Protein backbone atom coordinates (compact mmCIF):
# COMPACT_ATOMS: atom_id res chain seq x y z
CA MET A 1 -82.48 -225.01 -113.48
CA ILE A 2 -80.22 -224.96 -110.42
CA ARG A 3 -77.96 -222.02 -109.63
CA LYS A 4 -76.46 -220.17 -106.68
CA SER A 5 -78.32 -217.22 -105.18
CA THR A 6 -77.58 -213.57 -105.91
CA ILE A 7 -78.61 -210.35 -104.22
CA GLU A 8 -81.29 -209.93 -106.88
CA ASP A 9 -83.02 -213.12 -105.63
CA LYS A 10 -83.96 -211.59 -102.27
CA GLU A 11 -87.65 -210.99 -103.07
CA SER A 12 -88.14 -214.49 -104.52
CA ILE A 13 -86.40 -216.06 -101.52
CA GLN A 14 -88.56 -214.04 -99.11
CA GLN A 15 -91.74 -215.12 -100.92
CA LEU A 16 -90.78 -218.80 -100.92
CA MET A 17 -89.80 -218.75 -97.26
CA TYR A 18 -93.08 -217.03 -96.35
CA LEU A 19 -95.02 -219.80 -98.13
CA CYS A 20 -93.02 -222.50 -96.33
CA PHE A 21 -92.42 -221.05 -92.86
CA GLY A 22 -95.10 -218.40 -92.46
CA ASP A 23 -94.36 -214.89 -91.28
CA ASN A 24 -90.63 -214.92 -90.67
CA ASN A 25 -89.35 -211.53 -89.58
CA LYS A 26 -85.78 -212.67 -89.06
CA ILE A 27 -83.28 -210.69 -91.10
CA GLU A 28 -80.50 -213.31 -91.06
CA PRO A 29 -81.83 -215.60 -93.84
CA TYR A 30 -81.79 -212.63 -96.23
CA GLU A 31 -78.26 -211.44 -95.51
CA ASN A 32 -75.17 -212.35 -97.53
CA LEU A 33 -77.25 -213.75 -100.39
CA GLU A 34 -74.44 -213.83 -102.96
CA ASP A 35 -73.74 -217.58 -103.48
CA ARG A 36 -75.36 -218.44 -100.12
CA TYR A 37 -78.15 -220.72 -101.37
CA TYR A 38 -78.70 -223.26 -104.10
CA LEU A 39 -81.90 -222.31 -105.90
CA TYR A 40 -84.13 -224.48 -108.09
CA PHE A 41 -86.13 -222.65 -110.73
CA LYS A 42 -89.01 -224.15 -112.71
CA ASP A 43 -90.34 -221.98 -115.55
CA ASN A 44 -88.40 -219.00 -114.14
CA THR A 45 -90.08 -219.38 -110.72
CA LEU A 46 -88.15 -220.23 -107.56
CA VAL A 47 -89.65 -223.51 -106.31
CA ALA A 48 -86.99 -224.85 -103.91
CA MET A 49 -83.89 -223.73 -102.08
CA THR A 50 -81.27 -224.92 -99.63
CA GLY A 51 -77.87 -223.86 -98.40
CA LEU A 52 -74.79 -225.10 -96.61
CA THR A 53 -73.18 -222.93 -93.96
CA SER A 54 -69.94 -223.27 -92.05
CA ASP A 55 -71.18 -220.62 -89.59
CA SER A 56 -72.92 -223.21 -87.41
CA GLU A 57 -73.24 -223.35 -83.65
CA TYR A 58 -72.48 -227.08 -83.98
CA GLY A 59 -68.93 -226.54 -85.22
CA ARG A 60 -69.43 -228.23 -88.59
CA LEU A 61 -71.19 -227.71 -91.89
CA GLU A 62 -74.93 -227.32 -91.46
CA ILE A 63 -77.85 -227.41 -93.89
CA ASP A 64 -79.24 -223.87 -94.02
CA TRP A 65 -82.83 -222.65 -94.65
CA THR A 66 -84.25 -225.43 -96.81
CA CYS A 67 -87.74 -225.37 -98.31
CA THR A 68 -89.88 -226.29 -101.33
CA HIS A 69 -92.94 -224.44 -102.58
CA PRO A 70 -96.02 -226.37 -101.34
CA GLU A 71 -97.32 -226.88 -104.90
CA HIS A 72 -93.97 -228.34 -106.05
CA ARG A 73 -93.24 -230.86 -103.31
CA HIS A 74 -92.59 -234.56 -103.95
CA LYS A 75 -91.17 -233.95 -107.44
CA GLY A 76 -87.50 -234.61 -106.66
CA TYR A 77 -86.34 -230.99 -106.72
CA MET A 78 -84.76 -231.14 -103.27
CA LYS A 79 -82.98 -234.39 -104.13
CA GLU A 80 -81.39 -232.61 -107.11
CA LEU A 81 -80.47 -229.58 -104.99
CA PHE A 82 -78.83 -231.74 -102.31
CA ALA A 83 -76.90 -233.73 -104.92
CA GLU A 84 -75.58 -230.49 -106.44
CA MET A 85 -74.81 -228.88 -103.09
CA LEU A 86 -73.11 -231.89 -101.49
CA ASN A 87 -71.10 -232.90 -104.55
CA GLY A 88 -67.49 -233.09 -103.35
CA VAL A 89 -68.28 -232.40 -99.68
CA GLN A 90 -66.40 -234.99 -97.61
CA GLU A 91 -66.87 -233.69 -94.06
CA PRO A 92 -69.84 -234.41 -91.77
CA VAL A 93 -72.95 -232.25 -92.30
CA TYR A 94 -75.47 -231.41 -89.57
CA CYS A 95 -79.12 -231.20 -90.57
CA SER A 96 -82.07 -230.35 -88.31
CA CYS A 97 -85.73 -230.04 -89.21
CA TRP A 98 -88.79 -228.15 -88.03
CA ARG A 99 -92.31 -229.28 -87.32
CA LEU A 100 -94.54 -226.32 -88.07
CA GLN A 101 -97.79 -225.50 -86.29
CA ASN A 102 -100.79 -227.58 -87.32
CA LYS A 103 -98.55 -230.24 -88.93
CA ASN A 104 -98.25 -233.74 -87.53
CA LYS A 105 -94.90 -234.49 -89.22
CA PRO A 106 -91.63 -232.61 -89.54
CA ASN A 107 -90.89 -231.02 -92.90
CA LEU A 108 -87.76 -233.08 -93.53
CA TYR A 109 -88.26 -236.68 -94.62
């Protein structure tokens, strides 16, 4: 099931981001959670998330805090999230990716 985030999703979002990015003490990803992210739930568990922000330093829409639970990768969840999120978006979208420690490839393929 895909839906937009709510304030009540904060703990689930924090847990997923910890699994994907490690210890992230930044407060910003957990602010303004109402409708900020698109969330993918499998059996009532948050397994993937992404967002689209207009508050970008690049002056255009930007993909925001995107990750998939390590045990749920390569199952098409992110493809579904992106299709839902970008449906109807006509303007250019900026997307960057991270390469985490001890990984030889970036997380975005």
